[in-house]
Full PDB file with SEQRES, HELIX, SHEET, SSBOND, CRYST1, ORIGX, SCALE, CONECT and MASTER records, all heavy atoms in Angstrom:
SEQRES   1 A   38  LEU VAL GLU LYS TYR SER GLU GLU THR VAL CYS PHE TYR          
SEQRES   2 A   38  ALA SER ALA LEU MET GLU TYR SER GLU LYS ILE THR LYS          
SEQRES   3 A   38  ASN THR ILE LYS ASN ILE PRO ASP GLY LYS TYR THR              
HELIX    1 AA1 VAL A    2  TYR A    5  1                                   4    
HELIX    2 AA2 GLU A    7  LYS A   30  1                                  24    
CRYST1    1.000    1.000    1.000  90.00  90.00  90.00 P 1           1          
ORIGX1      1.000000  0.000000  0.000000        0.00000                         
ORIGX2      0.000000  1.000000  0.000000        0.00000                         
ORIGX3      0.000000  0.000000  1.000000        0.00000                         
SCALE1      1.000000  0.000000  0.000000        0.00000                         
SCALE2      0.000000  1.000000  0.000000        0.00000                         
SCALE3      0.000000  0.000000  1.000000        0.00000                         
ATOM      1  N   LEU A   1      -5.097 -78.380 -30.177  1.00  0.00           N  
ATOM      2  CA  LEU A   1      -5.270 -77.904 -28.798  1.00  0.00           C  
ATOM      3  C   LEU A   1      -4.335 -76.731 -28.527  1.00  0.00           C  
ATOM      4  O   LEU A   1      -4.740 -75.723 -27.916  1.00  0.00           O  
ATOM      5  CB  LEU A   1      -4.982 -79.058 -27.836  1.00  0.00           C  
ATOM      6  CG  LEU A   1      -5.480 -78.940 -26.396  1.00  0.00           C  
ATOM      7  CD1 LEU A   1      -6.986 -78.791 -26.343  1.00  0.00           C  
ATOM      8  CD2 LEU A   1      -5.030 -80.152 -25.583  1.00  0.00           C  
ATOM      9  N   VAL A   2      -3.094 -76.840 -28.978  1.00  0.00           N  
ATOM     10  CA  VAL A   2      -2.116 -75.769 -28.793  1.00  0.00           C  
ATOM     11  C   VAL A   2      -2.534 -74.520 -29.572  1.00  0.00           C  
ATOM     12  O   VAL A   2      -2.399 -73.387 -29.088  1.00  0.00           O  
ATOM     13  CB  VAL A   2      -0.719 -76.249 -29.232  1.00  0.00           C  
ATOM     14  CG1 VAL A   2       0.245 -75.072 -29.313  1.00  0.00           C  
ATOM     15  CG2 VAL A   2      -0.186 -77.296 -28.260  1.00  0.00           C  
ATOM     16  N   GLU A   3      -3.042 -74.721 -30.764  1.00  0.00           N  
ATOM     17  CA  GLU A   3      -3.477 -73.595 -31.590  1.00  0.00           C  
ATOM     18  C   GLU A   3      -4.597 -72.813 -30.906  1.00  0.00           C  
ATOM     19  O   GLU A   3      -4.676 -71.584 -31.004  1.00  0.00           O  
ATOM     20  CB  GLU A   3      -3.947 -74.112 -32.954  1.00  0.00           C  
ATOM     21  CG  GLU A   3      -4.251 -73.020 -33.956  1.00  0.00           C  
ATOM     22  CD  GLU A   3      -4.639 -73.563 -35.319  1.00  0.00           C  
ATOM     23  OE1 GLU A   3      -4.310 -74.742 -35.608  1.00  0.00           O  
ATOM     24  OE2 GLU A   3      -5.290 -72.834 -36.085  1.00  0.00           O  
ATOM     25  N   LYS A   4      -5.435 -73.498 -30.180  1.00  0.00           N  
ATOM     26  CA  LYS A   4      -6.563 -72.833 -29.511  1.00  0.00           C  
ATOM     27  C   LYS A   4      -6.146 -72.152 -28.210  1.00  0.00           C  
ATOM     28  O   LYS A   4      -6.608 -71.046 -27.900  1.00  0.00           O  
ATOM     29  CB  LYS A   4      -7.670 -73.855 -29.236  1.00  0.00           C  
ATOM     30  CG  LYS A   4      -8.895 -73.253 -28.565  1.00  0.00           C  
ATOM     31  CD  LYS A   4     -10.041 -74.244 -28.467  1.00  0.00           C  
ATOM     32  CE  LYS A   4     -11.272 -73.599 -27.843  1.00  0.00           C  
ATOM     33  NZ  LYS A   4     -12.427 -74.537 -27.782  1.00  0.00           N  
ATOM     34  N   TYR A   5      -5.262 -72.828 -27.420  1.00  0.00           N  
ATOM     35  CA  TYR A   5      -4.977 -72.323 -26.070  1.00  0.00           C  
ATOM     36  C   TYR A   5      -3.561 -71.789 -25.875  1.00  0.00           C  
ATOM     37  O   TYR A   5      -3.288 -71.175 -24.851  1.00  0.00           O  
ATOM     38  CB  TYR A   5      -5.218 -73.431 -25.036  1.00  0.00           C  
ATOM     39  CG  TYR A   5      -6.660 -73.818 -24.863  1.00  0.00           C  
ATOM     40  CD1 TYR A   5      -7.180 -74.939 -25.489  1.00  0.00           C  
ATOM     41  CD2 TYR A   5      -7.513 -73.047 -24.076  1.00  0.00           C  
ATOM     42  CE1 TYR A   5      -8.516 -75.307 -25.323  1.00  0.00           C  
ATOM     43  CE2 TYR A   5      -8.837 -73.394 -23.901  1.00  0.00           C  
ATOM     44  CZ  TYR A   5      -9.331 -74.531 -24.532  1.00  0.00           C  
ATOM     45  OH  TYR A   5     -10.650 -74.883 -24.363  1.00  0.00           O  
ATOM     46  N   SER A   6      -2.639 -72.063 -26.765  1.00  0.00           N  
ATOM     47  CA  SER A   6      -1.206 -71.732 -26.702  1.00  0.00           C  
ATOM     48  C   SER A   6      -0.424 -72.896 -26.087  1.00  0.00           C  
ATOM     49  O   SER A   6      -0.940 -73.634 -25.229  1.00  0.00           O  
ATOM     50  CB  SER A   6      -0.921 -70.449 -25.913  1.00  0.00           C  
ATOM     51  OG  SER A   6      -0.857 -70.690 -24.528  1.00  0.00           O  
ATOM     52  N   GLU A   7       0.817 -72.996 -26.518  1.00  0.00           N  
ATOM     53  CA  GLU A   7       1.676 -74.091 -26.033  1.00  0.00           C  
ATOM     54  C   GLU A   7       1.912 -73.968 -24.536  1.00  0.00           C  
ATOM     55  O   GLU A   7       1.887 -74.954 -23.801  1.00  0.00           O  
ATOM     56  CB  GLU A   7       3.011 -74.074 -26.775  1.00  0.00           C  
ATOM     57  CG  GLU A   7       3.954 -75.194 -26.339  1.00  0.00           C  
ATOM     58  CD  GLU A   7       5.277 -75.172 -27.084  1.00  0.00           C  
ATOM     59  OE1 GLU A   7       5.469 -74.281 -27.945  1.00  0.00           O  
ATOM     60  OE2 GLU A   7       6.123 -76.033 -26.798  1.00  0.00           O  
ATOM     61  N   GLU A   8       2.134 -72.743 -24.060  1.00  0.00           N  
ATOM     62  CA  GLU A   8       2.392 -72.539 -22.633  1.00  0.00           C  
ATOM     63  C   GLU A   8       1.227 -73.021 -21.784  1.00  0.00           C  
ATOM     64  O   GLU A   8       1.407 -73.711 -20.768  1.00  0.00           O  
ATOM     65  CB  GLU A   8       2.652 -71.050 -22.362  1.00  0.00           C  
ATOM     66  CG  GLU A   8       2.946 -70.760 -20.901  1.00  0.00           C  
ATOM     67  CD  GLU A   8       3.060 -69.263 -20.613  1.00  0.00           C  
ATOM     68  OE1 GLU A   8       2.701 -68.458 -21.490  1.00  0.00           O  
ATOM     69  OE2 GLU A   8       3.476 -68.905 -19.493  1.00  0.00           O  
ATOM     70  N   THR A   9       0.020 -72.706 -22.208  1.00  0.00           N  
ATOM     71  CA  THR A   9      -1.168 -73.095 -21.437  1.00  0.00           C  
ATOM     72  C   THR A   9      -1.370 -74.604 -21.452  1.00  0.00           C  
ATOM     73  O   THR A   9      -1.657 -75.222 -20.407  1.00  0.00           O  
ATOM     74  CB  THR A   9      -2.416 -72.395 -22.003  1.00  0.00           C  
ATOM     75  OG1 THR A   9      -2.234 -70.990 -21.929  1.00  0.00           O  
ATOM     76  CG2 THR A   9      -3.665 -72.785 -21.225  1.00  0.00           C  
ATOM     77  N   VAL A  10      -1.212 -75.221 -22.608  1.00  0.00           N  
ATOM     78  CA  VAL A  10      -1.419 -76.673 -22.716  1.00  0.00           C  
ATOM     79  C   VAL A  10      -0.393 -77.412 -21.870  1.00  0.00           C  
ATOM     80  O   VAL A  10      -0.735 -78.355 -21.131  1.00  0.00           O  
ATOM     81  CB  VAL A  10      -1.359 -77.119 -24.191  1.00  0.00           C  
ATOM     82  CG1 VAL A  10      -1.442 -78.641 -24.285  1.00  0.00           C  
ATOM     83  CG2 VAL A  10      -2.487 -76.486 -24.996  1.00  0.00           C  
ATOM     84  N   CYS A  11       0.878 -77.011 -21.935  1.00  0.00           N  
ATOM     85  CA  CYS A  11       1.924 -77.666 -21.132  1.00  0.00           C  
ATOM     86  C   CYS A  11       1.692 -77.437 -19.638  1.00  0.00           C  
ATOM     87  O   CYS A  11       1.911 -78.348 -18.817  1.00  0.00           O  
ATOM     88  CB  CYS A  11       3.300 -77.139 -21.537  1.00  0.00           C  
ATOM     89  SG  CYS A  11       3.832 -77.643 -23.186  1.00  0.00           S  
ATOM     90  N   PHE A  12       1.224 -76.234 -19.276  1.00  0.00           N  
ATOM     91  CA  PHE A  12       0.951 -75.935 -17.869  1.00  0.00           C  
ATOM     92  C   PHE A  12      -0.129 -76.856 -17.322  1.00  0.00           C  
ATOM     93  O   PHE A  12       0.008 -77.412 -16.218  1.00  0.00           O  
ATOM     94  CB  PHE A  12       0.522 -74.472 -17.727  1.00  0.00           C  
ATOM     95  CG  PHE A  12       0.071 -74.108 -16.338  1.00  0.00           C  
ATOM     96  CD1 PHE A  12       0.988 -73.850 -15.335  1.00  0.00           C  
ATOM     97  CD2 PHE A  12      -1.286 -74.046 -16.023  1.00  0.00           C  
ATOM     98  CE1 PHE A  12       0.571 -73.534 -14.046  1.00  0.00           C  
ATOM     99  CE2 PHE A  12      -1.716 -73.722 -14.746  1.00  0.00           C  
ATOM    100  CZ  PHE A  12      -0.778 -73.468 -13.750  1.00  0.00           C  
ATOM    101  N   TYR A  13      -1.197 -77.043 -18.078  1.00  0.00           N  
ATOM    102  CA  TYR A  13      -2.293 -77.862 -17.568  1.00  0.00           C  
ATOM    103  C   TYR A  13      -1.982 -79.358 -17.641  1.00  0.00           C  
ATOM    104  O   TYR A  13      -2.532 -80.146 -16.862  1.00  0.00           O  
ATOM    105  CB  TYR A  13      -3.604 -77.520 -18.275  1.00  0.00           C  
ATOM    106  CG  TYR A  13      -4.254 -76.306 -17.652  1.00  0.00           C  
ATOM    107  CD1 TYR A  13      -4.064 -75.047 -18.197  1.00  0.00           C  
ATOM    108  CD2 TYR A  13      -5.002 -76.418 -16.493  1.00  0.00           C  
ATOM    109  CE1 TYR A  13      -4.637 -73.919 -17.609  1.00  0.00           C  
ATOM    110  CE2 TYR A  13      -5.568 -75.309 -15.895  1.00  0.00           C  
ATOM    111  CZ  TYR A  13      -5.381 -74.066 -16.447  1.00  0.00           C  
ATOM    112  OH  TYR A  13      -5.940 -72.957 -15.838  1.00  0.00           O  
ATOM    113  N   ALA A  14      -1.074 -79.747 -18.520  1.00  0.00           N  
ATOM    114  CA  ALA A  14      -0.610 -81.142 -18.501  1.00  0.00           C  
ATOM    115  C   ALA A  14       0.082 -81.429 -17.177  1.00  0.00           C  
ATOM    116  O   ALA A  14      -0.147 -82.469 -16.535  1.00  0.00           O  
ATOM    117  CB  ALA A  14       0.343 -81.399 -19.671  1.00  0.00           C  
ATOM    118  N   SER A  15       0.915 -80.487 -16.736  1.00  0.00           N  
ATOM    119  CA  SER A  15       1.604 -80.639 -15.450  1.00  0.00           C  
ATOM    120  C   SER A  15       0.621 -80.538 -14.285  1.00  0.00           C  
ATOM    121  O   SER A  15       0.704 -81.304 -13.315  1.00  0.00           O  
ATOM    122  CB  SER A  15       2.680 -79.561 -15.324  1.00  0.00           C  
ATOM    123  OG  SER A  15       3.330 -79.634 -14.079  1.00  0.00           O  
ATOM    124  N   ALA A  16      -0.332 -79.622 -14.393  1.00  0.00           N  
ATOM    125  CA  ALA A  16      -1.320 -79.436 -13.318  1.00  0.00           C  
ATOM    126  C   ALA A  16      -2.183 -80.674 -13.131  1.00  0.00           C  
ATOM    127  O   ALA A  16      -2.562 -81.024 -12.003  1.00  0.00           O  
ATOM    128  CB  ALA A  16      -2.197 -78.225 -13.630  1.00  0.00           C  
ATOM    129  N   LEU A  17      -2.494 -81.362 -14.223  1.00  0.00           N  
ATOM    130  CA  LEU A  17      -3.296 -82.586 -14.120  1.00  0.00           C  
ATOM    131  C   LEU A  17      -2.553 -83.681 -13.377  1.00  0.00           C  
ATOM    132  O   LEU A  17      -3.147 -84.442 -12.604  1.00  0.00           O  
ATOM    133  CB  LEU A  17      -3.701 -83.065 -15.515  1.00  0.00           C  
ATOM    134  CG  LEU A  17      -4.840 -82.291 -16.179  1.00  0.00           C  
ATOM    135  CD1 LEU A  17      -4.945 -82.649 -17.655  1.00  0.00           C  
ATOM    136  CD2 LEU A  17      -6.165 -82.553 -15.470  1.00  0.00           C  
ATOM    137  N   MET A  18      -1.243 -83.770 -13.581  1.00  0.00           N  
ATOM    138  CA  MET A  18      -0.458 -84.764 -12.844  1.00  0.00           C  
ATOM    139  C   MET A  18      -0.415 -84.423 -11.356  1.00  0.00           C  
ATOM    140  O   MET A  18      -0.518 -85.311 -10.498  1.00  0.00           O  
ATOM    141  CB  MET A  18       0.951 -84.860 -13.431  1.00  0.00           C  
ATOM    142  CG  MET A  18       1.001 -85.572 -14.775  1.00  0.00           C  
ATOM    143  SD  MET A  18       2.673 -85.842 -15.396  1.00  0.00           S  
ATOM    144  CE  MET A  18       2.878 -84.392 -16.410  1.00  0.00           C  
ATOM    145  N   GLU A  19      -0.286 -83.136 -11.046  1.00  0.00           N  
ATOM    146  CA  GLU A  19      -0.293 -82.725  -9.642  1.00  0.00           C  
ATOM    147  C   GLU A  19      -1.653 -82.988  -8.997  1.00  0.00           C  
ATOM    148  O   GLU A  19      -1.737 -83.387  -7.829  1.00  0.00           O  
ATOM    149  CB  GLU A  19       0.054 -81.238  -9.555  1.00  0.00           C  
ATOM    150  CG  GLU A  19       1.490 -80.935  -9.943  1.00  0.00           C  
ATOM    151  CD  GLU A  19       1.769 -79.441 -10.023  1.00  0.00           C  
ATOM    152  OE1 GLU A  19       0.836 -78.650  -9.753  1.00  0.00           O  
ATOM    153  OE2 GLU A  19       2.908 -79.076 -10.364  1.00  0.00           O  
ATOM    154  N   TYR A  20      -2.707 -82.796  -9.769  1.00  0.00           N  
ATOM    155  CA  TYR A  20      -4.066 -83.055  -9.266  1.00  0.00           C  
ATOM    156  C   TYR A  20      -4.251 -84.549  -8.966  1.00  0.00           C  
ATOM    157  O   TYR A  20      -4.760 -84.922  -7.902  1.00  0.00           O  
ATOM    158  CB  TYR A  20      -5.081 -82.587 -10.301  1.00  0.00           C  
ATOM    159  CG  TYR A  20      -6.522 -82.903  -9.961  1.00  0.00           C  
ATOM    160  CD1 TYR A  20      -7.130 -82.355  -8.838  1.00  0.00           C  
ATOM    161  CD2 TYR A  20      -7.276 -83.746 -10.764  1.00  0.00           C  
ATOM    162  CE1 TYR A  20      -8.454 -82.638  -8.526  1.00  0.00           C  
ATOM    163  CE2 TYR A  20      -8.601 -84.042 -10.464  1.00  0.00           C  
ATOM    164  CZ  TYR A  20      -9.179 -83.481  -9.349  1.00  0.00           C  
ATOM    165  OH  TYR A  20     -10.484 -83.767  -9.037  1.00  0.00           O  
ATOM    166  N   SER A  21      -3.817 -85.415  -9.882  1.00  0.00           N  
ATOM    167  CA  SER A  21      -3.924 -86.863  -9.659  1.00  0.00           C  
ATOM    168  C   SER A  21      -3.093 -87.296  -8.458  1.00  0.00           C  
ATOM    169  O   SER A  21      -3.514 -88.150  -7.672  1.00  0.00           O  
ATOM    170  CB  SER A  21      -3.464 -87.621 -10.915  1.00  0.00           C  
ATOM    171  OG  SER A  21      -4.367 -87.417 -11.978  1.00  0.00           O  
ATOM    172  N   GLU A  22      -1.921 -86.683  -8.310  1.00  0.00           N  
ATOM    173  CA  GLU A  22      -1.083 -86.987  -7.142  1.00  0.00           C  
ATOM    174  C   GLU A  22      -1.799 -86.622  -5.842  1.00  0.00           C  
ATOM    175  O   GLU A  22      -1.814 -87.404  -4.881  1.00  0.00           O  
ATOM    176  CB  GLU A  22       0.233 -86.223  -7.240  1.00  0.00           C  
ATOM    177  CG  GLU A  22       1.153 -86.444  -6.045  1.00  0.00           C  
ATOM    178  CD  GLU A  22       2.416 -85.594  -6.105  1.00  0.00           C  
ATOM    179  OE1 GLU A  22       2.525 -84.746  -7.017  1.00  0.00           O  
ATOM    180  OE2 GLU A  22       3.283 -85.767  -5.236  1.00  0.00           O  
ATOM    181  N   LYS A  23      -2.420 -85.455  -5.817  1.00  0.00           N  
ATOM    182  CA  LYS A  23      -3.119 -84.995  -4.613  1.00  0.00           C  
ATOM    183  C   LYS A  23      -4.265 -85.936  -4.247  1.00  0.00           C  
ATOM    184  O   LYS A  23      -4.431 -86.313  -3.072  1.00  0.00           O  
ATOM    185  CB  LYS A  23      -3.652 -83.581  -4.859  1.00  0.00           C  
ATOM    186  CG  LYS A  23      -4.475 -83.016  -3.712  1.00  0.00           C  
ATOM    187  CD  LYS A  23      -5.032 -81.643  -4.066  1.00  0.00           C  
ATOM    188  CE  LYS A  23      -5.939 -81.114  -2.954  1.00  0.00           C  
ATOM    189  NZ  LYS A  23      -6.522 -79.777  -3.305  1.00  0.00           N  
ATOM    190  N   ILE A  24      -5.062 -86.322  -5.237  1.00  0.00           N  
ATOM    191  CA  ILE A  24      -6.211 -87.192  -4.959  1.00  0.00           C  
ATOM    192  C   ILE A  24      -5.737 -88.582  -4.541  1.00  0.00           C  
ATOM    193  O   ILE A  24      -6.329 -89.219  -3.650  1.00  0.00           O  
ATOM    194  CB  ILE A  24      -7.135 -87.275  -6.185  1.00  0.00           C  
ATOM    195  CG1 ILE A  24      -7.684 -85.888  -6.545  1.00  0.00           C  
ATOM    196  CG2 ILE A  24      -8.288 -88.242  -5.922  1.00  0.00           C  
ATOM    197  CD1 ILE A  24      -8.447 -85.199  -5.450  1.00  0.00           C  
ATOM    198  N   THR A  25      -4.663 -89.091  -5.167  1.00  0.00           N  
ATOM    199  CA  THR A  25      -4.133 -90.405  -4.777  1.00  0.00           C  
ATOM    200  C   THR A  25      -3.630 -90.372  -3.346  1.00  0.00           C  
ATOM    201  O   THR A  25      -3.838 -91.320  -2.577  1.00  0.00           O  
ATOM    202  CB  THR A  25      -3.004 -90.833  -5.735  1.00  0.00           C  
ATOM    203  OG1 THR A  25      -3.491 -90.840  -7.081  1.00  0.00           O  
ATOM    204  CG2 THR A  25      -2.497 -92.230  -5.381  1.00  0.00           C  
ATOM    205  N   LYS A  26      -2.989 -89.288  -2.964  1.00  0.00           N  
ATOM    206  CA  LYS A  26      -2.532 -89.151  -1.572  1.00  0.00           C  
ATOM    207  C   LYS A  26      -3.716 -89.182  -0.606  1.00  0.00           C  
ATOM    208  O   LYS A  26      -3.648 -89.807   0.461  1.00  0.00           O  
ATOM    209  CB  LYS A  26      -1.753 -87.846  -1.403  1.00  0.00           C  
ATOM    210  CG  LYS A  26      -0.321 -87.900  -1.925  1.00  0.00           C  
ATOM    211  CD  LYS A  26       0.400 -86.584  -1.653  1.00  0.00           C  
ATOM    212  CE  LYS A  26       1.867 -86.665  -2.051  1.00  0.00           C  
ATOM    213  NZ  LYS A  26       2.579 -85.382  -1.788  1.00  0.00           N  
ATOM    214  N   ASN A  27      -4.796 -88.504  -0.973  1.00  0.00           N  
ATOM    215  CA  ASN A  27      -5.994 -88.516  -0.121  1.00  0.00           C  
ATOM    216  C   ASN A  27      -6.569 -89.915  -0.005  1.00  0.00           C  
ATOM    217  O   ASN A  27      -7.066 -90.321   1.059  1.00  0.00           O  
ATOM    218  CB  ASN A  27      -7.048 -87.557  -0.681  1.00  0.00           C  
ATOM    219  CG  ASN A  27      -6.670 -86.094  -0.513  1.00  0.00           C  
ATOM    220  OD1 ASN A  27      -5.843 -85.765   0.341  1.00  0.00           O  
ATOM    221  ND2 ASN A  27      -7.261 -85.220  -1.312  1.00  0.00           N  
ATOM    222  N   THR A  28      -6.521 -90.670  -1.101  1.00  0.00           N  
ATOM    223  CA  THR A  28      -7.006 -92.056  -1.082  1.00  0.00           C  
ATOM    224  C   THR A  28      -6.163 -92.909  -0.131  1.00  0.00           C  
ATOM    225  O   THR A  28      -6.699 -93.687   0.681  1.00  0.00           O  
ATOM    226  CB  THR A  28      -6.964 -92.652  -2.500  1.00  0.00           C  
ATOM    227  OG1 THR A  28      -7.823 -91.892  -3.358  1.00  0.00           O  
ATOM    228  CG2 THR A  28      -7.411 -94.106  -2.504  1.00  0.00           C  
ATOM    229  N   ILE A  29      -4.855 -92.765  -0.221  1.00  0.00           N  
ATOM    230  CA  ILE A  29      -3.952 -93.540   0.650  1.00  0.00           C  
ATOM    231  C   ILE A  29      -4.146 -93.133   2.108  1.00  0.00           C  
ATOM    232  O   ILE A  29      -4.108 -93.969   3.019  1.00  0.00           O  
ATOM    233  CB  ILE A  29      -2.490 -93.336   0.200  1.00  0.00           C  
ATOM    234  CG1 ILE A  29      -2.281 -93.930  -1.196  1.00  0.00           C  
ATOM    235  CG2 ILE A  29      -1.518 -93.974   1.197  1.00  0.00           C  
ATOM    236  CD1 ILE A  29      -0.937 -93.602  -1.817  1.00  0.00           C  
ATOM    237  N   LYS A  30      -4.377 -91.846   2.342  1.00  0.00           N  
ATOM    238  CA  LYS A  30      -4.540 -91.347   3.715  1.00  0.00           C  
ATOM    239  C   LYS A  30      -5.749 -91.982   4.400  1.00  0.00           C  
ATOM    240  O   LYS A  30      -5.796 -92.096   5.637  1.00  0.00           O  
ATOM    241  CB  LYS A  30      -4.699 -89.823   3.671  1.00  0.00           C  
ATOM    242  CG  LYS A  30      -4.473 -89.131   5.009  1.00  0.00           C  
ATOM    243  CD  LYS A  30      -4.677 -87.627   4.887  1.00  0.00           C  
ATOM    244  CE  LYS A  30      -3.616 -86.997   4.026  1.00  0.00           C  
ATOM    245  NZ  LYS A  30      -3.737 -85.508   3.993  1.00  0.00           N  
ATOM    246  N   ASN A  31      -6.725 -92.411   3.614  1.00  0.00           N  
ATOM    247  CA  ASN A  31      -7.924 -93.042   4.179  1.00  0.00           C  
ATOM    248  C   ASN A  31      -7.738 -94.530   4.483  1.00  0.00           C  
ATOM    249  O   ASN A  31      -8.653 -95.181   4.984  1.00  0.00           O  
ATOM    250  CB  ASN A  31      -9.101 -92.862   3.218  1.00  0.00           C  
ATOM    251  CG  ASN A  31      -9.587 -91.418   3.176  1.00  0.00           C  
ATOM    252  OD1 ASN A  31      -9.540 -90.718   4.181  1.00  0.00           O  
ATOM    253  ND2 ASN A  31     -10.049 -90.976   2.011  1.00  0.00           N  
ATOM    254  N   ILE A  32      -6.564 -95.061   4.169  1.00  0.00           N  
ATOM    255  CA  ILE A  32      -6.228 -96.446   4.539  1.00  0.00           C  
ATOM    256  C   ILE A  32      -5.509 -96.397   5.881  1.00  0.00           C  
ATOM    257  O   ILE A  32      -4.561 -95.615   6.052  1.00  0.00           O  
ATOM    258  CB  ILE A  32      -5.314 -97.097   3.478  1.00  0.00           C  
ATOM    259  CG1 ILE A  32      -5.979 -97.065   2.100  1.00  0.00           C  
ATOM    260  CG2 ILE A  32      -4.977 -98.538   3.871  1.00  0.00           C  
ATOM    261  CD1 ILE A  32      -5.069 -97.520   0.970  1.00  0.00           C  
ATOM    262  N   PRO A  33      -5.915 -97.187   6.869  1.00  0.00           N  
ATOM    263  CA  PRO A  33      -5.248 -97.150   8.173  1.00  0.00           C  
ATOM    264  C   PRO A  33      -3.747 -97.419   8.060  1.00  0.00           C  
ATOM    265  O   PRO A  33      -3.321 -98.299   7.297  1.00  0.00           O  
ATOM    266  CB  PRO A  33      -5.953 -98.257   8.963  1.00  0.00           C  
ATOM    267  CG  PRO A  33      -7.278 -98.413   8.301  1.00  0.00           C  
ATOM    268  CD  PRO A  33      -7.053 -98.136   6.855  1.00  0.00           C  
ATOM    269  N   ASP A  34      -2.948 -96.653   8.775  1.00  0.00           N  
ATOM    270  CA  ASP A  34      -1.507 -96.894   8.799  1.00  0.00           C  
ATOM    271  C   ASP A  34      -1.216 -98.310   9.290  1.00  0.00           C  
ATOM    272  O   ASP A  34      -1.927 -98.840  10.162  1.00  0.00           O  
ATOM    273  CB  ASP A  34      -0.811 -95.894   9.724  1.00  0.00           C  
ATOM    274  CG  ASP A  34      -0.684 -94.514   9.092  1.00  0.00           C  
ATOM    275  OD1 ASP A  34      -1.142 -94.349   7.946  1.00  0.00           O  
ATOM    276  OD2 ASP A  34      -0.117 -93.611   9.744  1.00  0.00           O  
ATOM    277  N   GLY A  35      -0.173 -98.901   8.743  1.00  0.00           N  
ATOM    278  CA  GLY A  35       0.197-100.233   9.203  1.00  0.00           C  
ATOM    279  C   GLY A  35       0.931-101.011   8.131  1.00  0.00           C  
ATOM    280  O   GLY A  35       1.133-100.525   7.010  1.00  0.00           O  
ATOM    281  N   LYS A  36       1.334-102.221   8.507  1.00  0.00           N  
ATOM    282  CA  LYS A  36       2.004-103.129   7.571  1.00  0.00           C  
ATOM    283  C   LYS A  36       1.075-104.311   7.312  1.00  0.00           C  
ATOM    284  O   LYS A  36       0.592-104.957   8.248  1.00  0.00           O  
ATOM    285  CB  LYS A  36       3.327-103.625   8.137  1.00  0.00           C  
ATOM    286  CG  LYS A  36       4.081-104.565   7.199  1.00  0.00           C  
ATOM    287  CD  LYS A  36       5.428-104.976   7.776  1.00  0.00           C  
ATOM    288  CE  LYS A  36       6.158-105.928   6.844  1.00  0.00           C  
ATOM    289  NZ  LYS A  36       7.483-106.340   7.397  1.00  0.00           N  
ATOM    290  N   TYR A  37       0.817-104.582   6.042  1.00  0.00           N  
ATOM    291  CA  TYR A  37      -0.113-105.632   5.644  1.00  0.00           C  
ATOM    292  C   TYR A  37       0.593-106.573   4.663  1.00  0.00           C  
ATOM    293  O   TYR A  37       1.219-106.114   3.700  1.00  0.00           O  
ATOM    294  CB  TYR A  37      -1.359-105.022   5.004  1.00  0.00           C  
ATOM    295  CG  TYR A  37      -1.973-103.923   5.853  1.00  0.00           C  
ATOM    296  CD1 TYR A  37      -1.734-102.583   5.560  1.00  0.00           C  
ATOM    297  CD2 TYR A  37      -2.764-104.225   6.955  1.00  0.00           C  
ATOM    298  CE1 TYR A  37      -2.280-101.566   6.334  1.00  0.00           C  
ATOM    299  CE2 TYR A  37      -3.310-103.225   7.736  1.00  0.00           C  
ATOM    300  CZ  TYR A  37      -3.070-101.896   7.426  1.00  0.00           C  
ATOM    301  OH  TYR A  37      -3.612-100.903   8.216  1.00  0.00           O  
ATOM    302  N   THR A  38       0.468-107.842   4.932  1.00  0.00           N  
ATOM    303  CA  THR A  38       1.215-108.838   4.149  1.00  0.00           C  
ATOM    304  C   THR A  38       0.261-109.845   3.533  1.00  0.00           C  
ATOM    305  O   THR A  38      -0.737-110.243   4.157  1.00  0.00           O  
ATOM    306  CB  THR A  38       2.233-109.580   5.048  1.00  0.00           C  
ATOM    307  OG1 THR A  38       3.142-108.618   5.608  1.00  0.00           O  
ATOM    308  CG2 THR A  38       3.024-110.600   4.255  1.00  0.00           C  
TER     309      THR A  38                                                      
MASTER        0    0    0    2    0    0    0    6  308    1    0    3          
END                                                                             
């Protein structure tokens, strides 16, 4: 993968994928009503 795209590009998109998952997870949580549930 690095040979095809370069180390810089592969490492950049590894980080970008984590940021993308974080963003979508935040959107998922935002759709749950605020509150305390036990």
